[in-house]
Amino acid sequence: MVSIIIYTTEENLIHKKGLKKGEEKFKEFYWTFPRLPKKLEQGDKVYFATKGFIRGFFIVNDINENPLYFADVPENNIIWNCNSWKNITPIQTKSFQGFKYADKVEELS
C-alpha cells in the first residue's frame, strides 16, 4: 500500500469533504495531477494537510489516467467518496506544493 499527502487550503479541504454549501449532494470528489503518483492504487489513502497539520484522509475509489468521462478535467486524477473521510490526530507538517508520499512522515508509517 502507498499513501500520499496533499497540502491545500482549509476552504478547499471543506469542498473536497462535500461540506461546502450547495455541494452536499455530491458524493465523489477528485484531485488532478500532471503526473499520477506511481504506485497509488484503489484502497490507498490520500491524506490532506492544511494550516500546518495533516488532518485526515480519504480512501481512493478510482484512479484515472487522462479520463474521458470528465470532459472538463483532462488531467490525470484520483477519485474518492467524501464519506470515506477519517480524522486523525493532527500531525505537524511544513507546507509544500504538489504531493508527497506518506512514508516520508514517521507518524504515518
PDB file of N, CA and C in Angstrom:
ATOM      1  N   MET A   1       0.831  -1.194   0.000  1.00  0.00           N
ATOM      2  CA  MET A   1       0.000   0.000   0.000  1.00  0.00           C
ATOM      3  C   MET A   1       0.872   1.253   0.000  1.00  0.00           C
ATOM      4  N   VAL A   2       0.412   2.247  -0.727  1.00  0.00           N
ATOM      5  CA  VAL A   2       1.091   3.532  -0.800  1.00  0.00           C
ATOM      6  C   VAL A   2       0.068   4.600  -0.453  1.00  0.00           C
ATOM      7  N   SER A   3       0.482   5.563   0.316  1.00  0.00           N
ATOM      8  CA  SER A   3      -0.383   6.697   0.635  1.00  0.00           C
ATOM      9  C   SER A   3       0.339   7.971   0.257  1.00  0.00           C
ATOM     10  N   ILE A   4      -0.441   8.994  -0.070  1.00  0.00           N
ATOM     11  CA  ILE A   4       0.145  10.293  -0.396  1.00  0.00           C
ATOM     12  C   ILE A   4      -0.461  11.356   0.500  1.00  0.00           C
ATOM     13  N   ILE A   5       0.221  12.509   0.548  1.00  0.00           N
ATOM     14  CA  ILE A   5      -0.255  13.667   1.295  1.00  0.00           C
ATOM     15  C   ILE A   5      -0.353  14.824   0.322  1.00  0.00           C
ATOM     16  N   ILE A   6      -1.460  15.546   0.394  1.00  0.00           N
ATOM     17  CA  ILE A   6      -1.673  16.745  -0.411  1.00  0.00           C
ATOM     18  C   ILE A   6      -1.874  17.907   0.558  1.00  0.00           C
ATOM     19  N   TYR A   7      -1.159  18.997   0.314  1.00  0.00           N
ATOM     20  CA  TYR A   7      -1.317  20.203   1.141  1.00  0.00           C
ATOM     21  C   TYR A   7      -2.225  21.166   0.393  1.00  0.00           C
ATOM     22  N   THR A   8      -3.239  21.678   1.073  1.00  0.00           N
ATOM     23  CA  THR A   8      -4.204  22.562   0.423  1.00  0.00           C
ATOM     24  C   THR A   8      -4.708  23.600   1.413  1.00  0.00           C
ATOM     25  N   THR A   9      -5.640  24.410   0.981  1.00  0.00           N
ATOM     26  CA  THR A   9      -6.255  25.400   1.875  1.00  0.00           C
ATOM     27  C   THR A   9      -7.394  24.752   2.665  1.00  0.00           C
ATOM     28  N   GLU A  10      -7.744  25.369   3.768  1.00  0.00           N
ATOM     29  CA  GLU A  10      -8.852  24.871   4.585  1.00  0.00           C
ATOM     30  C   GLU A  10     -10.149  24.870   3.773  1.00  0.00           C
ATOM     31  N   GLU A  11     -10.363  25.922   2.993  1.00  0.00           N
ATOM     32  CA  GLU A  11     -11.576  26.021   2.177  1.00  0.00           C
ATOM     33  C   GLU A  11     -11.645  24.895   1.145  1.00  0.00           C
ATOM     34  N   ASN A  12     -10.529  24.595   0.520  1.00  0.00           N
ATOM     35  CA  ASN A  12     -10.502  23.518  -0.474  1.00  0.00           C
ATOM     36  C   ASN A  12     -10.762  22.161   0.178  1.00  0.00           C
ATOM     37  N   LEU A  13     -10.223  21.943   1.374  1.00  0.00           N
ATOM     38  CA  LEU A  13     -10.479  20.685   2.074  1.00  0.00           C
ATOM     39  C   LEU A  13     -11.963  20.553   2.418  1.00  0.00           C
ATOM     40  N   ILE A  14     -12.580  21.637   2.856  1.00  0.00           N
ATOM     41  CA  ILE A  14     -14.025  21.612   3.146  1.00  0.00           C
ATOM     42  C   ILE A  14     -14.791  21.231   1.887  1.00  0.00           C
ATOM     43  N   HIS A  15     -14.406  21.800   0.760  1.00  0.00           N
ATOM     44  CA  HIS A  15     -15.035  21.462  -0.525  1.00  0.00           C
ATOM     45  C   HIS A  15     -14.854  19.971  -0.836  1.00  0.00           C
ATOM     46  N   LYS A  16     -13.645  19.452  -0.680  1.00  0.00           N
ATOM     47  CA  LYS A  16     -13.361  18.054  -1.022  1.00  0.00           C
ATOM     48  C   LYS A  16     -14.051  17.076  -0.080  1.00  0.00           C
ATOM     49  N   LYS A  17     -14.468  17.552   1.085  1.00  0.00           N
ATOM     50  CA  LYS A  17     -15.220  16.714   2.025  1.00  0.00           C
ATOM     51  C   LYS A  17     -16.724  16.801   1.741  1.00  0.00           C
ATOM     52  N   GLY A  18     -17.117  17.609   0.747  1.00  0.00           N
ATOM     53  CA  GLY A  18     -18.523  17.742   0.398  1.00  0.00           C
ATOM     54  C   GLY A  18     -19.301  18.556   1.408  1.00  0.00           C
ATOM     55  N   LEU A  19     -18.615  19.432   2.141  1.00  0.00           N
ATOM     56  CA  LEU A  19     -19.265  20.207   3.197  1.00  0.00           C
ATOM     57  C   LEU A  19     -19.594  21.636   2.780  1.00  0.00           C
ATOM     58  N   LYS A  20     -19.149  22.045   1.618  1.00  0.00           N
ATOM     59  CA  LYS A  20     -19.388  23.407   1.165  1.00  0.00           C
ATOM     60  C   LYS A  20     -20.851  23.562   0.745  1.00  0.00           C
ATOM     61  N   LYS A  21     -21.436  24.666   1.109  1.00  0.00           N
ATOM     62  CA  LYS A  21     -22.846  24.905   0.807  1.00  0.00           C
ATOM     63  C   LYS A  21     -23.112  24.720  -0.683  1.00  0.00           C
ATOM     64  N   GLY A  22     -24.152  23.950  -0.982  1.00  0.00           N
ATOM     65  CA  GLY A  22     -24.539  23.677  -2.356  1.00  0.00           C
ATOM     66  C   GLY A  22     -23.893  22.424  -2.928  1.00  0.00           C
ATOM     67  N   GLU A  23     -22.933  21.846  -2.207  1.00  0.00           N
ATOM     68  CA  GLU A  23     -22.239  20.658  -2.715  1.00  0.00           C
ATOM     69  C   GLU A  23     -22.532  19.418  -1.873  1.00  0.00           C
ATOM     70  N   GLU A  24     -23.462  19.526  -0.959  1.00  0.00           N
ATOM     71  CA  GLU A  24     -23.763  18.425  -0.047  1.00  0.00           C
ATOM     72  C   GLU A  24     -24.248  17.172  -0.779  1.00  0.00           C
ATOM     73  N   LYS A  25     -24.874  17.353  -1.931  1.00  0.00           N
ATOM     74  CA  LYS A  25     -25.436  16.207  -2.665  1.00  0.00           C
ATOM     75  C   LYS A  25     -24.378  15.395  -3.405  1.00  0.00           C
ATOM     76  N   PHE A  26     -23.208  15.999  -3.658  1.00  0.00           N
ATOM     77  CA  PHE A  26     -22.148  15.290  -4.370  1.00  0.00           C
ATOM     78  C   PHE A  26     -21.444  14.342  -3.407  1.00  0.00           C
ATOM     79  N   LYS A  27     -21.157  13.144  -3.858  1.00  0.00           N
ATOM     80  CA  LYS A  27     -20.511  12.141  -3.007  1.00  0.00           C
ATOM     81  C   LYS A  27     -19.076  11.853  -3.429  1.00  0.00           C
ATOM     82  N   GLU A  28     -18.768  12.031  -4.711  1.00  0.00           N
ATOM     83  CA  GLU A  28     -17.417  11.767  -5.188  1.00  0.00           C
ATOM     84  C   GLU A  28     -16.725  13.071  -5.559  1.00  0.00           C
ATOM     85  N   PHE A  29     -15.474  13.164  -5.153  1.00  0.00           N
ATOM     86  CA  PHE A  29     -14.649  14.317  -5.484  1.00  0.00           C
ATOM     87  C   PHE A  29     -13.330  13.811  -6.046  1.00  0.00           C
ATOM     88  N   TYR A  30     -12.563  14.689  -6.660  1.00  0.00           N
ATOM     89  CA  TYR A  30     -11.331  14.264  -7.300  1.00  0.00           C
ATOM     90  C   TYR A  30     -10.230  15.290  -7.099  1.00  0.00           C
ATOM     91  N   TRP A  31      -9.014  14.858  -7.377  1.00  0.00           N
ATOM     92  CA  TRP A  31      -7.840  15.722  -7.369  1.00  0.00           C
ATOM     93  C   TRP A  31      -7.066  15.414  -8.633  1.00  0.00           C
ATOM     94  N   THR A  32      -6.645  16.452  -9.337  1.00  0.00           N
ATOM     95  CA  THR A  32      -5.926  16.257 -10.598  1.00  0.00           C
ATOM     96  C   THR A  32      -4.420  16.396 -10.398  1.00  0.00           C
ATOM     97  N   PHE A  33      -3.683  15.725 -11.247  1.00  0.00           N
ATOM     98  CA  PHE A  33      -2.224  15.703 -11.202  1.00  0.00           C
ATOM     99  C   PHE A  33      -1.676  15.827 -12.613  1.00  0.00           C
ATOM    100  N   PRO A  34      -0.549  16.527 -12.782  1.00  0.00           N
ATOM    101  CA  PRO A  34       0.113  16.499 -14.087  1.00  0.00           C
ATOM    102  C   PRO A  34       0.606  15.079 -14.391  1.00  0.00           C
ATOM    103  N   ARG A  35       1.132  14.407 -13.350  1.00  0.00           N
ATOM    104  CA  ARG A  35       1.554  13.010 -13.423  1.00  0.00           C
ATOM    105  C   ARG A  35       1.044  12.304 -12.180  1.00  0.00           C
ATOM    106  N   LEU A  36       0.404  11.172 -12.359  1.00  0.00           N
ATOM    107  CA  LEU A  36      -0.149  10.441 -11.218  1.00  0.00           C
ATOM    108  C   LEU A  36       0.953   9.887 -10.326  1.00  0.00           C
ATOM    109  N   PRO A  37       0.690   9.797  -9.022  1.00  0.00           N
ATOM    110  CA  PRO A  37       1.642   9.099  -8.142  1.00  0.00           C
ATOM    111  C   PRO A  37       1.827   7.669  -8.647  1.00  0.00           C
ATOM    112  N   LYS A  38       3.053   7.220  -8.782  1.00  0.00           N
ATOM    113  CA  LYS A  38       3.360   5.963  -9.474  1.00  0.00           C
ATOM    114  C   LYS A  38       2.718   4.715  -8.892  1.00  0.00           C
ATOM    115  N   LYS A  39       2.762   4.550  -7.585  1.00  0.00           N
ATOM    116  CA  LYS A  39       2.323   3.281  -7.010  1.00  0.00           C
ATOM    117  C   LYS A  39       0.973   3.367  -6.318  1.00  0.00           C
ATOM    118  N   LEU A  40       0.288   4.479  -6.419  1.00  0.00           N
ATOM    119  CA  LEU A  40      -1.008   4.648  -5.772  1.00  0.00           C
ATOM    120  C   LEU A  40      -2.048   3.742  -6.424  1.00  0.00           C
ATOM    121  N   GLU A  41      -2.850   3.066  -5.601  1.00  0.00           N
ATOM    122  CA  GLU A  41      -3.867   2.143  -6.097  1.00  0.00           C
ATOM    123  C   GLU A  41      -5.193   2.376  -5.392  1.00  0.00           C
ATOM    124  N   GLN A  42      -6.247   1.777  -5.920  1.00  0.00           N
ATOM    125  CA  GLN A  42      -7.543   1.813  -5.250  1.00  0.00           C
ATOM    126  C   GLN A  42      -7.365   1.261  -3.833  1.00  0.00           C
ATOM    127  N   GLY A  43      -8.035   1.900  -2.876  1.00  0.00           N
ATOM    128  CA  GLY A  43      -7.957   1.465  -1.488  1.00  0.00           C
ATOM    129  C   GLY A  43      -6.856   2.145  -0.688  1.00  0.00           C
ATOM    130  N   ASP A  44      -5.931   2.829  -1.367  1.00  0.00           N
ATOM    131  CA  ASP A  44      -4.878   3.560  -0.663  1.00  0.00           C
ATOM    132  C   ASP A  44      -5.448   4.832  -0.051  1.00  0.00           C
ATOM    133  N   LYS A  45      -4.657   5.462   0.796  1.00  0.00           N
ATOM    134  CA  LYS A  45      -5.106   6.674   1.493  1.00  0.00           C
ATOM    135  C   LYS A  45      -4.533   7.920   0.841  1.00  0.00           C
ATOM    136  N   VAL A  46      -5.361   8.966   0.809  1.00  0.00           N
ATOM    137  CA  VAL A  46      -4.922  10.290   0.388  1.00  0.00           C
ATOM    138  C   VAL A  46      -5.122  11.202   1.587  1.00  0.00           C
ATOM    139  N   TYR A  47      -4.009  11.542   2.241  1.00  0.00           N
ATOM    140  CA  TYR A  47      -4.048  12.435   3.397  1.00  0.00           C
ATOM    141  C   TYR A  47      -4.109  13.869   2.911  1.00  0.00           C
ATOM    142  N   PHE A  48      -4.782  14.712   3.681  1.00  0.00           N
ATOM    143  CA  PHE A  48      -4.821  16.132   3.379  1.00  0.00           C
ATOM    144  C   PHE A  48      -4.277  16.922   4.553  1.00  0.00           C
ATOM    145  N   ALA A  49      -3.436  17.900   4.208  1.00  0.00           N
ATOM    146  CA  ALA A  49      -2.851  18.785   5.206  1.00  0.00           C
ATOM    147  C   ALA A  49      -3.293  20.210   4.912  1.00  0.00           C
ATOM    148  N   THR A  50      -3.493  20.969   5.977  1.00  0.00           N
ATOM    149  CA  THR A  50      -3.854  22.375   5.861  1.00  0.00           C
ATOM    150  C   THR A  50      -3.434  23.094   7.134  1.00  0.00           C
ATOM    151  N   LYS A  51      -3.084  24.352   7.002  1.00  0.00           N
ATOM    152  CA  LYS A  51      -2.692  25.178   8.146  1.00  0.00           C
ATOM    153  C   LYS A  51      -1.613  24.526   9.006  1.00  0.00           C
ATOM    154  N   GLY A  52      -0.648  23.864   8.371  1.00  0.00           N
ATOM    155  CA  GLY A  52       0.494  23.318   9.082  1.00  0.00           C
ATOM    156  C   GLY A  52       0.312  21.944   9.707  1.00  0.00           C
ATOM    157  N   PHE A  53      -0.832  21.274   9.419  1.00  0.00           N
ATOM    158  CA  PHE A  53      -1.086  19.970  10.014  1.00  0.00           C
ATOM    159  C   PHE A  53      -1.743  19.022   9.014  1.00  0.00           C
ATOM    160  N   ILE A  54      -1.353  17.746   9.075  1.00  0.00           N
ATOM    161  CA  ILE A  54      -2.065  16.703   8.347  1.00  0.00           C
ATOM    162  C   ILE A  54      -3.314  16.423   9.165  1.00  0.00           C
ATOM    163  N   ARG A  55      -4.496  16.500   8.539  1.00  0.00           N
ATOM    164  CA  ARG A  55      -5.772  16.470   9.265  1.00  0.00           C
ATOM    165  C   ARG A  55      -6.508  15.138   9.200  1.00  0.00           C
ATOM    166  N   GLY A  56      -6.353  14.403   8.093  1.00  0.00           N
ATOM    167  CA  GLY A  56      -7.106  13.169   7.923  1.00  0.00           C
ATOM    168  C   GLY A  56      -6.907  12.640   6.516  1.00  0.00           C
ATOM    169  N   PHE A  57      -7.722  11.665   6.152  1.00  0.00           N
ATOM    170  CA  PHE A  57      -7.543  11.037   4.846  1.00  0.00           C
ATOM    171  C   PHE A  57      -8.857  10.552   4.253  1.00  0.00           C
ATOM    172  N   PHE A  58      -8.815  10.357   2.929  1.00  0.00           N
ATOM    173  CA  PHE A  58      -9.867   9.695   2.162  1.00  0.00           C
ATOM    174  C   PHE A  58      -9.287   8.388   1.641  1.00  0.00           C
ATOM    175  N   ILE A  59     -10.166   7.462   1.266  1.00  0.00           N
ATOM    176  CA  ILE A  59      -9.755   6.212   0.626  1.00  0.00           C
ATOM    177  C   ILE A  59      -9.981   6.359  -0.882  1.00  0.00           C
ATOM    178  N   VAL A  60      -8.966   6.038  -1.663  1.00  0.00           N
ATOM    179  CA  VAL A  60      -9.046   6.165  -3.126  1.00  0.00           C
ATOM    180  C   VAL A  60     -10.047   5.155  -3.683  1.00  0.00           C
ATOM    181  N   ASN A  61     -11.035   5.660  -4.435  1.00  0.00           N
ATOM    182  CA  ASN A  61     -12.009   4.799  -5.113  1.00  0.00           C
ATOM    183  C   ASN A  61     -11.545   4.407  -6.503  1.00  0.00           C
ATOM    184  N   ASP A  62     -10.928   5.375  -7.193  1.00  0.00           N
ATOM    185  CA  ASP A  62     -10.566   5.134  -8.584  1.00  0.00           C
ATOM    186  C   ASP A  62      -9.392   6.029  -8.961  1.00  0.00           C
ATOM    187  N   ILE A  63      -8.655   5.595  -9.947  1.00  0.00           N
ATOM    188  CA  ILE A  63      -7.526   6.353 -10.486  1.00  0.00           C
ATOM    189  C   ILE A  63      -7.709   6.393 -11.992  1.00  0.00           C
ATOM    190  N   ASN A  64      -7.677   7.591 -12.544  1.00  0.00           N
ATOM    191  CA  ASN A  64      -7.914   7.754 -13.983  1.00  0.00           C
ATOM    192  C   ASN A  64      -6.762   8.486 -14.635  1.00  0.00           C
ATOM    193  N   GLU A  65      -6.210   7.856 -15.645  1.00  0.00           N
ATOM    194  CA  GLU A  65      -5.173   8.500 -16.431  1.00  0.00           C
ATOM    195  C   GLU A  65      -5.837   9.092 -17.662  1.00  0.00           C
ATOM    196  N   ASN A  66      -5.800  10.425 -17.757  1.00  0.00           N
ATOM    197  CA  ASN A  66      -6.468  11.140 -18.842  1.00  0.00           C
ATOM    198  C   ASN A  66      -7.911  10.650 -19.022  1.00  0.00           C
ATOM    199  N   PRO A  67      -8.748  10.831 -17.994  1.00  0.00           N
ATOM    200  CA  PRO A  67     -10.119  10.303 -18.052  1.00  0.00           C
ATOM    201  C   PRO A  67     -10.947  10.947 -19.150  1.00  0.00           C
ATOM    202  N   LEU A  68     -11.810  10.158 -19.726  1.00  0.00           N
ATOM    203  CA  LEU A  68     -12.674  10.645 -20.798  1.00  0.00           C
ATOM    204  C   LEU A  68     -14.021  11.126 -20.270  1.00  0.00           C
ATOM    205  N   TYR A  69     -14.475  10.605 -19.156  1.00  0.00           N
ATOM    206  CA  TYR A  69     -15.812  10.939 -18.696  1.00  0.00           C
ATOM    207  C   TYR A  69     -15.881  12.258 -17.940  1.00  0.00           C
ATOM    208  N   PHE A  70     -14.737  12.874 -17.633  1.00  0.00           N
ATOM    209  CA  PHE A  70     -14.725  14.225 -17.075  1.00  0.00           C
ATOM    210  C   PHE A  70     -14.285  15.156 -18.198  1.00  0.00           C
ATOM    211  N   ALA A  71     -15.190  15.530 -19.052  1.00  0.00           N
ATOM    212  CA  ALA A  71     -14.835  16.322 -20.228  1.00  0.00           C
ATOM    213  C   ALA A  71     -14.148  17.628 -19.860  1.00  0.00           C
ATOM    214  N   ASP A  72     -14.505  18.207 -18.712  1.00  0.00           N
ATOM    215  CA  ASP A  72     -13.902  19.476 -18.312  1.00  0.00           C
ATOM    216  C   ASP A  72     -12.629  19.295 -17.485  1.00  0.00           C
ATOM    217  N   VAL A  73     -12.209  18.050 -17.247  1.00  0.00           N
ATOM    218  CA  VAL A  73     -11.000  17.778 -16.461  1.00  0.00           C
ATOM    219  C   VAL A  73     -10.108  16.820 -17.244  1.00  0.00           C
ATOM    220  N   PRO A  74      -9.272  17.350 -18.134  1.00  0.00           N
ATOM    221  CA  PRO A  74      -8.469  16.476 -18.987  1.00  0.00           C
ATOM    222  C   PRO A  74      -7.264  15.854 -18.294  1.00  0.00           C
ATOM    223  N   GLU A  75      -6.917  16.323 -17.078  1.00  0.00           N
ATOM    224  CA  GLU A  75      -5.739  15.806 -16.390  1.00  0.00           C
ATOM    225  C   GLU A  75      -5.991  14.427 -15.801  1.00  0.00           C
ATOM    226  N   ASN A  76      -4.913  13.841 -15.316  1.00  0.00           N
ATOM    227  CA  ASN A  76      -4.992  12.602 -14.551  1.00  0.00           C
ATOM    228  C   ASN A  76      -5.631  12.936 -13.205  1.00  0.00           C
ATOM    229  N   ASN A  77      -6.392  12.010 -12.663  1.00  0.00           N
ATOM    230  CA  ASN A  77      -6.992  12.298 -11.363  1.00  0.00           C
ATOM    231  C   ASN A  77      -7.211  11.047 -10.532  1.00  0.00           C
ATOM    232  N   ILE A  78      -7.404  11.286  -9.238  1.00  0.00           N
ATOM    233  CA  ILE A  78      -7.821  10.246  -8.310  1.00  0.00           C
ATOM    234  C   ILE A  78      -9.179  10.658  -7.773  1.00  0.00           C
ATOM    235  N   ILE A  79     -10.011   9.683  -7.493  1.00  0.00           N
ATOM    236  CA  ILE A  79     -11.386   9.937  -7.052  1.00  0.00           C
ATOM    237  C   ILE A  79     -11.600   9.239  -5.717  1.00  0.00           C
ATOM    238  N   TRP A  80     -12.347   9.902  -4.836  1.00  0.00           N
ATOM    239  CA  TRP A  80     -12.731   9.304  -3.558  1.00  0.00           C
ATOM    240  C   TRP A  80     -14.158   9.681  -3.230  1.00  0.00           C
ATOM    241  N   ASN A  81     -14.762   8.897  -2.366  1.00  0.00           N
ATOM    242  CA  ASN A  81     -16.087   9.199  -1.835  1.00  0.00           C
ATOM    243  C   ASN A  81     -15.874  10.074  -0.611  1.00  0.00           C
ATOM    244  N   CYS A  82     -16.557  11.218  -0.551  1.00  0.00           N
ATOM    245  CA  CYS A  82     -16.337  12.143   0.563  1.00  0.00           C
ATOM    246  C   CYS A  82     -16.726  11.516   1.903  1.00  0.00           C
ATOM    247  N   ASN A  83     -17.578  10.485   1.895  1.00  0.00           N
ATOM    248  CA  ASN A  83     -17.953   9.818   3.139  1.00  0.00           C
ATOM    249  C   ASN A  83     -16.836   8.938   3.695  1.00  0.00           C
ATOM    250  N   SER A  84     -15.759   8.751   2.937  1.00  0.00           N
ATOM    251  CA  SER A  84     -14.651   7.930   3.424  1.00  0.00           C
ATOM    252  C   SER A  84     -13.684   8.732   4.302  1.00  0.00           C
ATOM    253  N   TRP A  85     -13.936  10.018   4.498  1.00  0.00           N
ATOM    254  CA  TRP A  85     -13.039  10.870   5.289  1.00  0.00           C
ATOM    255  C   TRP A  85     -12.908  10.351   6.721  1.00  0.00           C
ATOM    256  N   LYS A  86     -11.667  10.285   7.188  1.00  0.00           N
ATOM    257  CA  LYS A  86     -11.360   9.905   8.571  1.00  0.00           C
ATOM    258  C   LYS A  86     -10.442  10.967   9.158  1.00  0.00           C
ATOM    259  N   ASN A  87     -10.855  11.562  10.274  1.00  0.00           N
ATOM    260  CA  ASN A  87      -9.987  12.494  11.003  1.00  0.00           C
ATOM    261  C   ASN A  87      -8.882  11.706  11.672  1.00  0.00           C
ATOM    262  N   ILE A  88      -7.725  12.334  11.803  1.00  0.00           N
ATOM    263  CA  ILE A  88      -6.631  11.747  12.574  1.00  0.00           C
ATOM    264  C   ILE A  88      -6.172  12.793  13.583  1.00  0.00           C
ATOM    265  N   THR A  89      -5.410  12.359  14.573  1.00  0.00           N
ATOM    266  CA  THR A  89      -4.771  13.325  15.460  1.00  0.00           C
ATOM    267  C   THR A  89      -3.838  14.144  14.581  1.00  0.00           C
ATOM    268  N   PRO A  90      -4.013  15.473  14.551  1.00  0.00           N
ATOM    269  CA  PRO A  90      -3.209  16.295  13.643  1.00  0.00           C
ATOM    270  C   PRO A  90      -1.708  16.071  13.821  1.00  0.00           C
ATOM    271  N   ILE A  91      -1.024  15.998  12.681  1.00  0.00           N
ATOM    272  CA  ILE A  91       0.427  15.810  12.645  1.00  0.00           C
ATOM    273  C   ILE A  91       1.029  17.036  11.980  1.00  0.00           C
ATOM    274  N   GLN A  92       1.948  17.683  12.676  1.00  0.00           N
ATOM    275  CA  GLN A  92       2.554  18.896  12.150  1.00  0.00           C
ATOM    276  C   GLN A  92       3.359  18.603  10.890  1.00  0.00           C
ATOM    277  N   THR A  93       3.248  19.510   9.919  1.00  0.00           N
ATOM    278  CA  THR A  93       3.989  19.390   8.667  1.00  0.00           C
ATOM    279  C   THR A  93       4.223  20.772   8.093  1.00  0.00           C
ATOM    280  N   LYS A  94       5.282  20.922   7.344  1.00  0.00           N
ATOM    281  CA  LYS A  94       5.528  22.173   6.629  1.00  0.00           C
ATOM    282  C   LYS A  94       4.690  22.163   5.359  1.00  0.00           C
ATOM    283  N   SER A  95       4.322  23.351   4.891  1.00  0.00           N
ATOM    284  CA  SER A  95       3.562  23.425   3.648  1.00  0.00           C
ATOM    285  C   SER A  95       4.455  23.016   2.471  1.00  0.00           C
ATOM    286  N   PHE A  96       3.830  22.516   1.418  1.00  0.00           N
ATOM    287  CA  PHE A  96       4.536  22.096   0.216  1.00  0.00           C
ATOM    288  C   PHE A  96       3.576  22.151  -0.953  1.00  0.00           C
ATOM    289  N   GLN A  97       4.104  22.072  -2.149  1.00  0.00           N
ATOM    290  CA  GLN A  97       3.276  22.044  -3.355  1.00  0.00           C
ATOM    291  C   GLN A  97       3.248  20.634  -3.911  1.00  0.00           C
ATOM    292  N   GLY A  98       2.192  20.326  -4.624  1.00  0.00           N
ATOM    293  CA  GLY A  98       2.063  19.009  -5.227  1.00  0.00           C
ATOM    294  C   GLY A  98       1.664  17.984  -4.185  1.00  0.00           C
ATOM    295  N   PHE A  99       2.326  16.835  -4.203  1.00  0.00           N
ATOM    296  CA  PHE A  99       2.042  15.802  -3.216  1.00  0.00           C
ATOM    297  C   PHE A  99       3.360  15.214  -2.747  1.00  0.00           C
ATOM    298  N   LYS A 100       3.319  14.499  -1.630  1.00  0.00           N
ATOM    299  CA  LYS A 100       4.466  13.718  -1.205  1.00  0.00           C
ATOM    300  C   LYS A 100       3.961  12.391  -0.660  1.00  0.00           C
ATOM    301  N   TYR A 101       4.844  11.410  -0.678  1.00  0.00           N
ATOM    302  CA  TYR A 101       4.464  10.096  -0.182  1.00  0.00           C
ATOM    303  C   TYR A 101       4.422  10.106   1.342  1.00  0.00           C
ATOM    304  N   ALA A 102       3.413   9.455   1.902  1.00  0.00           N
ATOM    305  CA  ALA A 102       3.192   9.466   3.344  1.00  0.00           C
ATOM    306  C   ALA A 102       4.281   8.722   4.105  1.00  0.00           C
ATOM    307  N   ASP A 103       5.000   7.828   3.460  1.00  0.00           N
ATOM    308  CA  ASP A 103       6.062   7.110   4.173  1.00  0.00           C
ATOM    309  C   ASP A 103       7.208   8.040   4.573  1.00  0.00           C
ATOM    310  N   LYS A 104       7.184   9.276   4.090  1.00  0.00           N
ATOM    311  CA  LYS A 104       8.179  10.276   4.473  1.00  0.00           C
ATOM    312  C   LYS A 104       7.848  10.862   5.852  1.00  0.00           C
ATOM    313  N   VAL A 105       6.636  10.581   6.366  1.00  0.00           N
ATOM    314  CA  VAL A 105       6.187  11.095   7.661  1.00  0.00           C
ATOM    315  C   VAL A 105       6.156   9.923   8.637  1.00  0.00           C
ATOM    316  N   GLU A 106       7.065   9.936   9.589  1.00  0.00           N
ATOM    317  CA  GLU A 106       7.236   8.804  10.507  1.00  0.00           C
ATOM    318  C   GLU A 106       5.924   8.408  11.189  1.00  0.00           C
ATOM    319  N   GLU A 107       5.097   9.363  11.589  1.00  0.00           N
ATOM    320  CA  GLU A 107       3.842   9.070  12.288  1.00  0.00           C
ATOM    321  C   GLU A 107       2.832   8.323  11.432  1.00  0.00           C
ATOM    322  N   LEU A 108       2.978   8.364  10.131  1.00  0.00           N
ATOM    323  CA  LEU A 108       2.050   7.701   9.225  1.00  0.00           C
ATOM    324  C   LEU A 108       2.571   6.361   8.742  1.00  0.00           C
ATOM    325  N   SER A 109       3.804   6.036   9.033  1.00  0.00           N
ATOM    326  CA  SER A 109       4.404   4.772   8.569  1.00  0.00           C
ATOM    327  C   SER A 109       3.898   3.593   9.346  1.00  0.00           C
TER     328      SER A 109
END
